[in-house]
Amino acid sequence: MNTPEDRPNPDDALARARAAHKQMAAALDEDQAPEADEPVGWQPIWKRPRKPKSKAAKKAELRKQRKRLQQAAKRRLAAGNSRRPRSRQSRIGNAAARRDARALSRVRHSGAWLW
């Protein structure tokens, strides 16, 4: 068990904590706002100062975007039209198969038994 002499004085501990707090606050403060003429190191994109784009840069970006969207529209149109026309033979075969299936279904579901 600890004796009262072994335990540190709470007032002393509080004074040390306050002194450390001031040092930590000063260390954090110096990283927050760089001077205007001081070169800034790497920063995440959301912390970087925003630079307004020139009119030419805006127009070039919009031109690129328009071209990209037009190419996508052409690809979509080509994809929609790219289904090859089926041969006449397969169309006839499919229609005949559908007719047969329809006739069989009618017979199956009617009350007439052909056995």
PDB file of N, CA and C in Angstrom:
ATOM      1  N   MET A   1       0.845  -1.188   0.000  1.00  0.00           N
ATOM      2  CA  MET A   1       0.000   0.000   0.000  1.00  0.00           C
ATOM      3  C   MET A   1       0.880   1.237   0.000  1.00  0.00           C
ATOM      4  N   ASN A   2       0.418   2.245  -0.743  1.00  0.00           N
ATOM      5  CA  ASN A   2       1.208   3.475  -0.841  1.00  0.00           C
ATOM      6  C   ASN A   2       1.081   4.308   0.426  1.00  0.00           C
ATOM      7  N   THR A   3       2.187   4.870   0.787  1.00  0.00           N
ATOM      8  CA  THR A   3       2.151   5.803   1.922  1.00  0.00           C
ATOM      9  C   THR A   3       1.971   7.199   1.364  1.00  0.00           C
ATOM     10  N   PRO A   4       1.499   8.127   2.172  1.00  0.00           N
ATOM     11  CA  PRO A   4       1.284   9.483   1.654  1.00  0.00           C
ATOM     12  C   PRO A   4       2.562  10.125   1.144  1.00  0.00           C
ATOM     13  N   GLU A   5       3.726   9.716   1.630  1.00  0.00           N
ATOM     14  CA  GLU A   5       4.982  10.304   1.168  1.00  0.00           C
ATOM     15  C   GLU A   5       5.322   9.855  -0.266  1.00  0.00           C
ATOM     16  N   ASP A   6       4.898   8.641  -0.634  1.00  0.00           N
ATOM     17  CA  ASP A   6       5.198   8.112  -1.973  1.00  0.00           C
ATOM     18  C   ASP A   6       4.373   8.799  -3.065  1.00  0.00           C
ATOM     19  N   ARG A   7       3.184   9.207  -2.700  1.00  0.00           N
ATOM     20  CA  ARG A   7       2.292   9.790  -3.702  1.00  0.00           C
ATOM     21  C   ARG A   7       2.718  11.222  -4.033  1.00  0.00           C
ATOM     22  N   PRO A   8       2.663  11.596  -5.333  1.00  0.00           N
ATOM     23  CA  PRO A   8       3.039  12.977  -5.681  1.00  0.00           C
ATOM     24  C   PRO A   8       1.963  13.954  -5.216  1.00  0.00           C
ATOM     25  N   ASN A   9       2.375  15.153  -5.031  1.00  0.00           N
ATOM     26  CA  ASN A   9       1.454  16.208  -4.607  1.00  0.00           C
ATOM     27  C   ASN A   9       0.525  16.555  -5.776  1.00  0.00           C
ATOM     28  N   PRO A  10      -0.794  16.557  -5.586  1.00  0.00           N
ATOM     29  CA  PRO A  10      -1.712  16.851  -6.694  1.00  0.00           C
ATOM     30  C   PRO A  10      -1.509  18.254  -7.261  1.00  0.00           C
ATOM     31  N   ASP A  11      -1.159  19.219  -6.409  1.00  0.00           N
ATOM     32  CA  ASP A  11      -0.940  20.581  -6.911  1.00  0.00           C
ATOM     33  C   ASP A  11       0.277  20.630  -7.828  1.00  0.00           C
ATOM     34  N   ASP A  12       1.313  19.859  -7.464  1.00  0.00           N
ATOM     35  CA  ASP A  12       2.524  19.810  -8.277  1.00  0.00           C
ATOM     36  C   ASP A  12       2.217  19.178  -9.648  1.00  0.00           C
ATOM     37  N   ALA A  13       1.440  18.092  -9.620  1.00  0.00           N
ATOM     38  CA  ALA A  13       1.065  17.415 -10.864  1.00  0.00           C
ATOM     39  C   ALA A  13       0.235  18.348 -11.750  1.00  0.00           C
ATOM     40  N   LEU A  14      -0.653  19.119 -11.137  1.00  0.00           N
ATOM     41  CA  LEU A  14      -1.486  20.047 -11.893  1.00  0.00           C
ATOM     42  C   LEU A  14      -0.630  21.145 -12.540  1.00  0.00           C
ATOM     43  N   ALA A  15       0.355  21.640 -11.809  1.00  0.00           N
ATOM     44  CA  ALA A  15       1.241  22.674 -12.351  1.00  0.00           C
ATOM     45  C   ALA A  15       2.047  22.132 -13.528  1.00  0.00           C
ATOM     46  N   ARG A  16       2.527  20.885 -13.425  1.00  0.00           N
ATOM     47  CA  ARG A  16       3.276  20.264 -14.533  1.00  0.00           C
ATOM     48  C   ARG A  16       2.379  20.091 -15.760  1.00  0.00           C
ATOM     49  N   ALA A  17       1.147  19.679 -15.534  1.00  0.00           N
ATOM     50  CA  ALA A  17       0.213  19.483 -16.646  1.00  0.00           C
ATOM     51  C   ALA A  17      -0.083  20.800 -17.350  1.00  0.00           C
ATOM     52  N   ARG A  18      -0.245  21.879 -16.562  1.00  0.00           N
ATOM     53  CA  ARG A  18      -0.521  23.185 -17.169  1.00  0.00           C
ATOM     54  C   ARG A  18       0.660  23.670 -18.004  1.00  0.00           C
ATOM     55  N   ALA A  19       1.877  23.441 -17.512  1.00  0.00           N
ATOM     56  CA  ALA A  19       3.071  23.848 -18.256  1.00  0.00           C
ATOM     57  C   ALA A  19       3.177  23.050 -19.557  1.00  0.00           C
ATOM     58  N   ALA A  20       2.897  21.763 -19.479  1.00  0.00           N
ATOM     59  CA  ALA A  20       2.948  20.923 -20.679  1.00  0.00           C
ATOM     60  C   ALA A  20       1.864  21.337 -21.670  1.00  0.00           C
ATOM     61  N   HIS A  21       0.702  21.735 -21.136  1.00  0.00           N
ATOM     62  CA  HIS A  21      -0.397  22.148 -22.004  1.00  0.00           C
ATOM     63  C   HIS A  21       0.018  23.365 -22.834  1.00  0.00           C
ATOM     64  N   LYS A  22       0.686  24.318 -22.225  1.00  0.00           N
ATOM     65  CA  LYS A  22       1.120  25.513 -22.943  1.00  0.00           C
ATOM     66  C   LYS A  22       2.118  25.157 -24.045  1.00  0.00           C
ATOM     67  N   GLN A  23       3.046  24.239 -23.716  1.00  0.00           N
ATOM     68  CA  GLN A  23       4.035  23.822 -24.725  1.00  0.00           C
ATOM     69  C   GLN A  23       3.344  23.110 -25.887  1.00  0.00           C
ATOM     70  N   MET A  24       2.397  22.217 -25.572  1.00  0.00           N
ATOM     71  CA  MET A  24       1.701  21.472 -26.626  1.00  0.00           C
ATOM     72  C   MET A  24       0.872  22.419 -27.502  1.00  0.00           C
ATOM     73  N   ALA A  25       0.212  23.396 -26.875  1.00  0.00           N
ATOM     74  CA  ALA A  25      -0.593  24.341 -27.642  1.00  0.00           C
ATOM     75  C   ALA A  25       0.297  25.160 -28.574  1.00  0.00           C
ATOM     76  N   ALA A  26       1.471  25.547 -28.093  1.00  0.00           N
ATOM     77  CA  ALA A  26       2.390  26.318 -28.926  1.00  0.00           C
ATOM     78  C   ALA A  26       2.887  25.476 -30.101  1.00  0.00           C
ATOM     79  N   ALA A  27       3.180  24.197 -29.837  1.00  0.00           N
ATOM     80  CA  ALA A  27       3.657  23.313 -30.906  1.00  0.00           C
ATOM     81  C   ALA A  27       2.575  23.096 -31.957  1.00  0.00           C
ATOM     82  N   LEU A  28       1.322  22.948 -31.517  1.00  0.00           N
ATOM     83  CA  LEU A  28       0.223  22.748 -32.470  1.00  0.00           C
ATOM     84  C   LEU A  28      -0.059  24.031 -33.248  1.00  0.00           C
ATOM     85  N   ASP A  29       0.064  25.161 -32.577  1.00  0.00           N
ATOM     86  CA  ASP A  29      -0.230  26.438 -33.210  1.00  0.00           C
ATOM     87  C   ASP A  29       0.709  26.752 -34.365  1.00  0.00           C
ATOM     88  N   GLU A  30       1.964  26.387 -34.208  1.00  0.00           N
ATOM     89  CA  GLU A  30       2.925  26.752 -35.251  1.00  0.00           C
ATOM     90  C   GLU A  30       2.687  25.974 -36.545  1.00  0.00           C
ATOM     91  N   ASP A  31       2.004  24.831 -36.478  1.00  0.00           N
ATOM     92  CA  ASP A  31       1.711  24.052 -37.689  1.00  0.00           C
ATOM     93  C   ASP A  31       0.450  24.529 -38.393  1.00  0.00           C
ATOM     94  N   GLN A  32      -0.407  25.254 -37.692  1.00  0.00           N
ATOM     95  CA  GLN A  32      -1.720  25.563 -38.238  1.00  0.00           C
ATOM     96  C   GLN A  32      -1.689  26.562 -39.384  1.00  0.00           C
ATOM     97  N   ALA A  33      -1.128  27.719 -39.160  1.00  0.00           N
ATOM     98  CA  ALA A  33      -1.197  28.776 -40.176  1.00  0.00           C
ATOM     99  C   ALA A  33       0.206  29.186 -40.597  1.00  0.00           C
ATOM    100  N   PRO A  34       0.629  28.785 -41.808  1.00  0.00           N
ATOM    101  CA  PRO A  34       1.954  29.202 -42.262  1.00  0.00           C
ATOM    102  C   PRO A  34       1.959  30.684 -42.639  1.00  0.00           C
ATOM    103  N   GLU A  35       3.104  31.269 -42.604  1.00  0.00           N
ATOM    104  CA  GLU A  35       3.233  32.673 -43.010  1.00  0.00           C
ATOM    105  C   GLU A  35       2.960  32.781 -44.508  1.00  0.00           C
ATOM    106  N   ALA A  36       2.628  33.968 -44.959  1.00  0.00           N
ATOM    107  CA  ALA A  36       2.266  34.163 -46.362  1.00  0.00           C
ATOM    108  C   ALA A  36       3.443  33.905 -47.292  1.00  0.00           C
ATOM    109  N   ASP A  37       4.657  34.301 -46.882  1.00  0.00           N
ATOM    110  CA  ASP A  37       5.812  34.124 -47.762  1.00  0.00           C
ATOM    111  C   ASP A  37       6.509  32.785 -47.553  1.00  0.00           C
ATOM    112  N   GLU A  38       6.075  32.034 -46.551  1.00  0.00           N
ATOM    113  CA  GLU A  38       6.703  30.743 -46.245  1.00  0.00           C
ATOM    114  C   GLU A  38       6.214  29.681 -47.226  1.00  0.00           C
ATOM    115  N   PRO A  39       7.121  28.882 -47.836  1.00  0.00           N
ATOM    116  CA  PRO A  39       6.654  27.842 -48.767  1.00  0.00           C
ATOM    117  C   PRO A  39       5.927  26.728 -48.005  1.00  0.00           C
ATOM    118  N   VAL A  40       4.806  26.320 -48.569  1.00  0.00           N
ATOM    119  CA  VAL A  40       3.979  25.309 -47.910  1.00  0.00           C
ATOM    120  C   VAL A  40       4.375  23.942 -48.446  1.00  0.00           C
ATOM    121  N   GLY A  41       4.508  22.969 -47.554  1.00  0.00           N
ATOM    122  CA  GLY A  41       4.811  21.602 -47.971  1.00  0.00           C
ATOM    123  C   GLY A  41       3.572  20.945 -48.542  1.00  0.00           C
ATOM    124  N   TRP A  42       3.567  19.611 -48.605  1.00  0.00           N
ATOM    125  CA  TRP A  42       2.423  18.883 -49.141  1.00  0.00           C
ATOM    126  C   TRP A  42       1.218  19.081 -48.241  1.00  0.00           C
ATOM    127  N   GLN A  43       0.084  19.328 -48.838  1.00  0.00           N
ATOM    128  CA  GLN A  43      -1.158  19.443 -48.090  1.00  0.00           C
ATOM    129  C   GLN A  43      -2.230  18.660 -48.810  1.00  0.00           C
ATOM    130  N   PRO A  44      -3.170  18.102 -48.051  1.00  0.00           N
ATOM    131  CA  PRO A  44      -4.281  17.418 -48.737  1.00  0.00           C
ATOM    132  C   PRO A  44      -5.052  18.423 -49.578  1.00  0.00           C
ATOM    133  N   ILE A  45      -5.740  17.924 -50.579  1.00  0.00           N
ATOM    134  CA  ILE A  45      -6.357  18.802 -51.573  1.00  0.00           C
ATOM    135  C   ILE A  45      -7.404  19.725 -50.962  1.00  0.00           C
ATOM    136  N   TRP A  46      -8.086  19.268 -49.904  1.00  0.00           N
ATOM    137  CA  TRP A  46      -9.130  20.109 -49.326  1.00  0.00           C
ATOM    138  C   TRP A  46      -8.565  21.244 -48.475  1.00  0.00           C
ATOM    139  N   LYS A  47      -7.251  21.206 -48.185  1.00  0.00           N
ATOM    140  CA  LYS A  47      -6.659  22.299 -47.415  1.00  0.00           C
ATOM    141  C   LYS A  47      -5.895  23.279 -48.303  1.00  0.00           C
ATOM    142  N   ARG A  48      -5.748  22.947 -49.568  1.00  0.00           N
ATOM    143  CA  ARG A  48      -4.982  23.822 -50.458  1.00  0.00           C
ATOM    144  C   ARG A  48      -5.789  25.070 -50.792  1.00  0.00           C
ATOM    145  N   PRO A  49      -5.116  26.200 -50.952  1.00  0.00           N
ATOM    146  CA  PRO A  49      -5.869  27.398 -51.339  1.00  0.00           C
ATOM    147  C   PRO A  49      -6.403  27.236 -52.760  1.00  0.00           C
ATOM    148  N   ARG A  50      -7.588  27.750 -52.999  1.00  0.00           N
ATOM    149  CA  ARG A  50      -8.209  27.596 -54.317  1.00  0.00           C
ATOM    150  C   ARG A  50      -7.707  28.679 -55.251  1.00  0.00           C
ATOM    151  N   LYS A  51      -7.294  28.227 -56.427  1.00  0.00           N
ATOM    152  CA  LYS A  51      -6.840  29.181 -57.442  1.00  0.00           C
ATOM    153  C   LYS A  51      -7.927  29.287 -58.505  1.00  0.00           C
ATOM    154  N   PRO A  52      -8.414  30.480 -58.802  1.00  0.00           N
ATOM    155  CA  PRO A  52      -9.422  30.581 -59.853  1.00  0.00           C
ATOM    156  C   PRO A  52      -8.808  30.238 -61.211  1.00  0.00           C
ATOM    157  N   LYS A  53      -9.581  29.510 -62.035  1.00  0.00           N
ATOM    158  CA  LYS A  53      -9.089  29.128 -63.360  1.00  0.00           C
ATOM    159  C   LYS A  53      -9.250  30.293 -64.327  1.00  0.00           C
ATOM    160  N   SER A  54      -8.381  30.337 -65.295  1.00  0.00           N
ATOM    161  CA  SER A  54      -8.506  31.364 -66.324  1.00  0.00           C
ATOM    162  C   SER A  54      -9.656  30.980 -67.252  1.00  0.00           C
ATOM    163  N   LYS A  55     -10.113  31.955 -68.022  1.00  0.00           N
ATOM    164  CA  LYS A  55     -11.219  31.691 -68.949  1.00  0.00           C
ATOM    165  C   LYS A  55     -10.825  30.624 -69.964  1.00  0.00           C
ATOM    166  N   ALA A  56      -9.583  30.690 -70.437  1.00  0.00           N
ATOM    167  CA  ALA A  56      -9.114  29.725 -71.441  1.00  0.00           C
ATOM    168  C   ALA A  56      -9.084  28.317 -70.839  1.00  0.00           C
ATOM    169  N   ALA A  57      -8.654  28.213 -69.575  1.00  0.00           N
ATOM    170  CA  ALA A  57      -8.593  26.897 -68.935  1.00  0.00           C
ATOM    171  C   ALA A  57      -9.992  26.321 -68.751  1.00  0.00           C
ATOM    172  N   LYS A  58     -10.947  27.182 -68.373  1.00  0.00           N
ATOM    173  CA  LYS A  58     -12.334  26.731 -68.211  1.00  0.00           C
ATOM    174  C   LYS A  58     -12.889  26.224 -69.534  1.00  0.00           C
ATOM    175  N   LYS A  59     -12.644  27.007 -70.599  1.00  0.00           N
ATOM    176  CA  LYS A  59     -13.172  26.627 -71.915  1.00  0.00           C
ATOM    177  C   LYS A  59     -12.550  25.322 -72.394  1.00  0.00           C
ATOM    178  N   ALA A  60     -11.240  25.166 -72.138  1.00  0.00           N
ATOM    179  CA  ALA A  60     -10.563  23.929 -72.556  1.00  0.00           C
ATOM    180  C   ALA A  60     -11.145  22.733 -71.811  1.00  0.00           C
ATOM    181  N   GLU A  61     -11.418  22.920 -70.501  1.00  0.00           N
ATOM    182  CA  GLU A  61     -11.994  21.827 -69.711  1.00  0.00           C
ATOM    183  C   GLU A  61     -13.383  21.462 -70.224  1.00  0.00           C
ATOM    184  N   LEU A  62     -14.185  22.484 -70.528  1.00  0.00           N
ATOM    185  CA  LEU A  62     -15.532  22.222 -71.048  1.00  0.00           C
ATOM    186  C   LEU A  62     -15.475  21.554 -72.416  1.00  0.00           C
ATOM    187  N   ARG A  63     -14.496  21.969 -73.240  1.00  0.00           N
ATOM    188  CA  ARG A  63     -14.339  21.340 -74.557  1.00  0.00           C
ATOM    189  C   ARG A  63     -14.048  19.852 -74.403  1.00  0.00           C
ATOM    190  N   LYS A  64     -13.116  19.557 -73.482  1.00  0.00           N
ATOM    191  CA  LYS A  64     -12.763  18.145 -73.249  1.00  0.00           C
ATOM    192  C   LYS A  64     -13.975  17.359 -72.767  1.00  0.00           C
ATOM    193  N   GLN A  65     -14.731  17.972 -71.832  1.00  0.00           N
ATOM    194  CA  GLN A  65     -15.901  17.292 -71.277  1.00  0.00           C
ATOM    195  C   GLN A  65     -16.939  17.040 -72.366  1.00  0.00           C
ATOM    196  N   ARG A  66     -17.173  18.057 -73.227  1.00  0.00           N
ATOM    197  CA  ARG A  66     -18.157  17.910 -74.294  1.00  0.00           C
ATOM    198  C   ARG A  66     -17.749  16.784 -75.241  1.00  0.00           C
ATOM    199  N   LYS A  67     -16.452  16.752 -75.587  1.00  0.00           N
ATOM    200  CA  LYS A  67     -15.960  15.710 -76.495  1.00  0.00           C
ATOM    201  C   LYS A  67     -16.137  14.328 -75.872  1.00  0.00           C
ATOM    202  N   ARG A  68     -15.825  14.228 -74.563  1.00  0.00           N
ATOM    203  CA  ARG A  68     -15.960  12.941 -73.868  1.00  0.00           C
ATOM    204  C   ARG A  68     -17.415  12.477 -73.865  1.00  0.00           C
ATOM    205  N   LEU A  69     -18.346  13.408 -73.607  1.00  0.00           N
ATOM    206  CA  LEU A  69     -19.764  13.054 -73.577  1.00  0.00           C
ATOM    207  C   LEU A  69     -20.273  12.675 -74.970  1.00  0.00           C
ATOM    208  N   GLN A  70     -19.798  13.371 -76.003  1.00  0.00           N
ATOM    209  CA  GLN A  70     -20.230  13.040 -77.372  1.00  0.00           C
ATOM    210  C   GLN A  70     -19.733  11.651 -77.765  1.00  0.00           C
ATOM    211  N   GLN A  71     -18.493  11.340 -77.386  1.00  0.00           N
ATOM    212  CA  GLN A  71     -17.968  10.011 -77.700  1.00  0.00           C
ATOM    213  C   GLN A  71     -18.773   8.930 -76.985  1.00  0.00           C
ATOM    214  N   ALA A  72     -19.158   9.201 -75.735  1.00  0.00           N
ATOM    215  CA  ALA A  72     -19.957   8.230 -74.983  1.00  0.00           C
ATOM    216  C   ALA A  72     -21.318   8.030 -75.654  1.00  0.00           C
ATOM    217  N   ALA A  73     -21.918   9.130 -76.143  1.00  0.00           N
ATOM    218  CA  ALA A  73     -23.212   9.026 -76.821  1.00  0.00           C
ATOM    219  C   ALA A  73     -23.085   8.200 -78.097  1.00  0.00           C
ATOM    220  N   LYS A  74     -21.981   8.412 -78.840  1.00  0.00           N
ATOM    221  CA  LYS A  74     -21.768   7.622 -80.063  1.00  0.00           C
ATOM    222  C   LYS A  74     -21.623   6.149 -79.734  1.00  0.00           C
ATOM    223  N   ARG A  75     -20.877   5.858 -78.649  1.00  0.00           N
ATOM    224  CA  ARG A  75     -20.703   4.444 -78.262  1.00  0.00           C
ATOM    225  C   ARG A  75     -22.035   3.823 -77.880  1.00  0.00           C
ATOM    226  N   ARG A  76     -22.861   4.599 -77.161  1.00  0.00           N
ATOM    227  CA  ARG A  76     -24.166   4.077 -76.755  1.00  0.00           C
ATOM    228  C   ARG A  76     -25.042   3.804 -77.969  1.00  0.00           C
ATOM    229  N   LEU A  77     -25.020   4.733 -78.927  1.00  0.00           N
ATOM    230  CA  LEU A  77     -25.827   4.573 -80.135  1.00  0.00           C
ATOM    231  C   LEU A  77     -25.359   3.347 -80.922  1.00  0.00           C
ATOM    232  N   ALA A  78     -24.041   3.211 -81.045  1.00  0.00           N
ATOM    233  CA  ALA A  78     -23.498   2.075 -81.784  1.00  0.00           C
ATOM    234  C   ALA A  78     -23.848   0.768 -81.084  1.00  0.00           C
ATOM    235  N   ALA A  79     -23.819   0.772 -79.754  1.00  0.00           N
ATOM    236  CA  ALA A  79     -24.140  -0.452 -79.014  1.00  0.00           C
ATOM    237  C   ALA A  79     -25.603  -0.836 -79.228  1.00  0.00           C
ATOM    238  N   GLY A  80     -26.482   0.172 -79.303  1.00  0.00           N
ATOM    239  CA  GLY A  80     -27.898  -0.120 -79.521  1.00  0.00           C
ATOM    240  C   GLY A  80     -28.163  -0.649 -80.913  1.00  0.00           C
ATOM    241  N   ASN A  81     -27.381  -0.186 -81.902  1.00  0.00           N
ATOM    242  CA  ASN A  81     -27.611  -0.606 -83.285  1.00  0.00           C
ATOM    243  C   ASN A  81     -26.771  -1.811 -83.685  1.00  0.00           C
ATOM    244  N   SER A  82     -25.995  -2.326 -82.768  1.00  0.00           N
ATOM    245  CA  SER A  82     -25.028  -3.345 -83.180  1.00  0.00           C
ATOM    246  C   SER A  82     -25.612  -4.748 -83.214  1.00  0.00           C
ATOM    247  N   ARG A  83     -26.889  -4.921 -82.871  1.00  0.00           N
ATOM    248  CA  ARG A  83     -27.463  -6.275 -82.920  1.00  0.00           C
ATOM    249  C   ARG A  83     -27.581  -6.699 -84.374  1.00  0.00           C
ATOM    250  N   ARG A  84     -26.967  -7.802 -84.679  1.00  0.00           N
ATOM    251  CA  ARG A  84     -26.976  -8.269 -86.071  1.00  0.00           C
ATOM    252  C   ARG A  84     -28.389  -8.712 -86.445  1.00  0.00           C
ATOM    253  N   PRO A  85     -28.831  -8.410 -87.663  1.00  0.00           N
ATOM    254  CA  PRO A  85     -30.149  -8.916 -88.062  1.00  0.00           C
ATOM    255  C   PRO A  85     -30.113 -10.440 -88.161  1.00  0.00           C
ATOM    256  N   ARG A  86     -31.171 -11.069 -87.688  1.00  0.00           N
ATOM    257  CA  ARG A  86     -31.188 -12.542 -87.706  1.00  0.00           C
ATOM    258  C   ARG A  86     -31.456 -13.026 -89.131  1.00  0.00           C
ATOM    259  N   SER A  87     -30.955 -14.191 -89.407  1.00  0.00           N
ATOM    260  CA  SER A  87     -31.176 -14.742 -90.748  1.00  0.00           C
ATOM    261  C   SER A  87     -32.656 -15.116 -90.894  1.00  0.00           C
ATOM    262  N   ARG A  88     -33.094 -15.172 -92.169  1.00  0.00           N
ATOM    263  CA  ARG A  88     -34.503 -15.485 -92.441  1.00  0.00           C
ATOM    264  C   ARG A  88     -34.857 -16.872 -91.928  1.00  0.00           C
ATOM    265  N   GLN A  89     -33.924 -17.787 -92.092  1.00  0.00           N
ATOM    266  CA  GLN A  89     -34.176 -19.163 -91.687  1.00  0.00           C
ATOM    267  C   GLN A  89     -34.479 -19.263 -90.188  1.00  0.00           C
ATOM    268  N   SER A  90     -33.676 -18.565 -89.380  1.00  0.00           N
ATOM    269  CA  SER A  90     -33.886 -18.659 -87.931  1.00  0.00           C
ATOM    270  C   SER A  90     -35.205 -17.995 -87.539  1.00  0.00           C
ATOM    271  N   ARG A  91     -35.576 -16.923 -88.262  1.00  0.00           N
ATOM    272  CA  ARG A  91     -36.859 -16.278 -87.943  1.00  0.00           C
ATOM    273  C   ARG A  91     -38.008 -17.231 -88.239  1.00  0.00           C
ATOM    274  N   ILE A  92     -37.924 -17.916 -89.387  1.00  0.00           N
ATOM    275  CA  ILE A  92     -39.003 -18.844 -89.759  1.00  0.00           C
ATOM    276  C   ILE A  92     -39.061 -19.986 -88.762  1.00  0.00           C
ATOM    277  N   GLY A  93     -37.902 -20.498 -88.430  1.00  0.00           N
ATOM    278  CA  GLY A  93     -37.855 -21.618 -87.483  1.00  0.00           C
ATOM    279  C   GLY A  93     -38.447 -21.234 -86.141  1.00  0.00           C
ATOM    280  N   ASN A  94     -38.090 -20.044 -85.662  1.00  0.00           N
ATOM    281  CA  ASN A  94     -38.603 -19.623 -84.367  1.00  0.00           C
ATOM    282  C   ASN A  94     -40.111 -19.439 -84.406  1.00  0.00           C
ATOM    283  N   ALA A  95     -40.602 -18.859 -85.496  1.00  0.00           N
ATOM    284  CA  ALA A  95     -42.050 -18.640 -85.604  1.00  0.00           C
ATOM    285  C   ALA A  95     -42.774 -19.977 -85.633  1.00  0.00           C
ATOM    286  N   ALA A  96     -42.220 -20.932 -86.380  1.00  0.00           N
ATOM    287  CA  ALA A  96     -42.858 -22.253 -86.466  1.00  0.00           C
ATOM    288  C   ALA A  96     -42.845 -22.928 -85.097  1.00  0.00           C
ATOM    289  N   ALA A  97     -41.723 -22.783 -84.392  1.00  0.00           N
ATOM    290  CA  ALA A  97     -41.631 -23.391 -83.064  1.00  0.00           C
ATOM    291  C   ALA A  97     -42.648 -22.761 -82.122  1.00  0.00           C
ATOM    292  N   ARG A  98     -42.813 -21.440 -82.251  1.00  0.00           N
ATOM    293  CA  ARG A  98     -43.799 -20.769 -81.386  1.00  0.00           C
ATOM    294  C   ARG A  98     -45.215 -21.248 -81.702  1.00  0.00           C
ATOM    295  N   ARG A  99     -45.495 -21.395 -83.009  1.00  0.00           N
ATOM    296  CA  ARG A  99     -46.834 -21.871 -83.405  1.00  0.00           C
ATOM    297  C   ARG A  99     -47.095 -23.262 -82.860  1.00  0.00           C
ATOM    298  N   ASP A 100     -46.075 -24.122 -82.984  1.00  0.00           N
ATOM    299  CA  ASP A 100     -46.235 -25.496 -82.479  1.00  0.00           C
ATOM    300  C   ASP A 100     -46.475 -25.488 -80.977  1.00  0.00           C
ATOM    301  N   ALA A 101     -45.702 -24.687 -80.280  1.00  0.00           N
ATOM    302  CA  ALA A 101     -45.832 -24.639 -78.829  1.00  0.00           C
ATOM    303  C   ALA A 101     -47.202 -24.121 -78.432  1.00  0.00           C
ATOM    304  N   ARG A 102     -47.681 -23.130 -79.184  1.00  0.00           N
ATOM    305  CA  ARG A 102     -48.994 -22.566 -78.875  1.00  0.00           C
ATOM    306  C   ARG A 102     -50.083 -23.625 -79.088  1.00  0.00           C
ATOM    307  N   ALA A 103     -49.963 -24.364 -80.196  1.00  0.00           N
ATOM    308  CA  ALA A 103     -50.966 -25.389 -80.479  1.00  0.00           C
ATOM    309  C   ALA A 103     -50.933 -26.479 -79.404  1.00  0.00           C
ATOM    310  N   LEU A 104     -49.740 -26.895 -79.032  1.00  0.00           N
ATOM    311  CA  LEU A 104     -49.622 -27.931 -77.996  1.00  0.00           C
ATOM    312  C   LEU A 104     -50.206 -27.435 -76.673  1.00  0.00           C
ATOM    313  N   SER A 105     -49.961 -26.188 -76.373  1.00  0.00           N
ATOM    314  CA  SER A 105     -50.452 -25.619 -75.117  1.00  0.00           C
ATOM    315  C   SER A 105     -51.972 -25.601 -75.113  1.00  0.00           C
ATOM    316  N   ARG A 106     -52.566 -25.242 -76.280  1.00  0.00           N
ATOM    317  CA  ARG A 106     -54.035 -25.212 -76.380  1.00  0.00           C
ATOM    318  C   ARG A 106     -54.612 -26.593 -76.137  1.00  0.00           C
ATOM    319  N   VAL A 107     -53.961 -27.572 -76.755  1.00  0.00           N
ATOM    320  CA  VAL A 107     -54.459 -28.951 -76.605  1.00  0.00           C
ATOM    321  C   VAL A 107     -54.317 -29.386 -75.150  1.00  0.00           C
ATOM    322  N   ARG A 108     -53.169 -29.063 -74.551  1.00  0.00           N
ATOM    323  CA  ARG A 108     -52.899 -29.488 -73.182  1.00  0.00           C
ATOM    324  C   ARG A 108     -53.910 -28.883 -72.210  1.00  0.00           C
ATOM    325  N   HIS A 109     -54.250 -27.625 -72.451  1.00  0.00           N
ATOM    326  CA  HIS A 109     -55.131 -26.949 -71.508  1.00  0.00           C
ATOM    327  C   HIS A 109     -56.612 -27.115 -71.841  1.00  0.00           C
ATOM    328  N   SER A 110     -56.910 -27.678 -72.975  1.00  0.00           N
ATOM    329  CA  SER A 110     -58.339 -27.882 -73.312  1.00  0.00           C
ATOM    330  C   SER A 110     -58.812 -29.118 -72.562  1.00  0.00           C
ATOM    331  N   GLY A 111     -60.119 -29.337 -72.606  1.00  0.00           N
ATOM    332  CA  GLY A 111     -60.657 -30.511 -71.903  1.00  0.00           C
ATOM    333  C   GLY A 111     -60.604 -31.754 -72.749  1.00  0.00           C
ATOM    334  N   ALA A 112     -60.223 -31.619 -74.037  1.00  0.00           N
ATOM    335  CA  ALA A 112     -60.240 -32.766 -74.932  1.00  0.00           C
ATOM    336  C   ALA A 112     -59.004 -33.620 -74.699  1.00  0.00           C
ATOM    337  N   TRP A 113     -59.193 -34.903 -74.489  1.00  0.00           N
ATOM    338  CA  TRP A 113     -58.055 -35.824 -74.338  1.00  0.00           C
ATOM    339  C   TRP A 113     -57.902 -36.609 -75.620  1.00  0.00           C
ATOM    340  N   LEU A 114     -56.690 -36.679 -76.105  1.00  0.00           N
ATOM    341  CA  LEU A 114     -56.449 -37.342 -77.376  1.00  0.00           C
ATOM    342  C   LEU A 114     -55.819 -38.713 -77.166  1.00  0.00           C
ATOM    343  N   TRP A 115     -55.935 -39.301 -76.042  1.00  0.00           N
ATOM    344  CA  TRP A 115     -55.259 -40.585 -75.761  1.00  0.00           C
ATOM    345  C   TRP A 115     -56.030 -41.709 -76.317  1.00  0.00           C
TER     346      TRP A 115
END
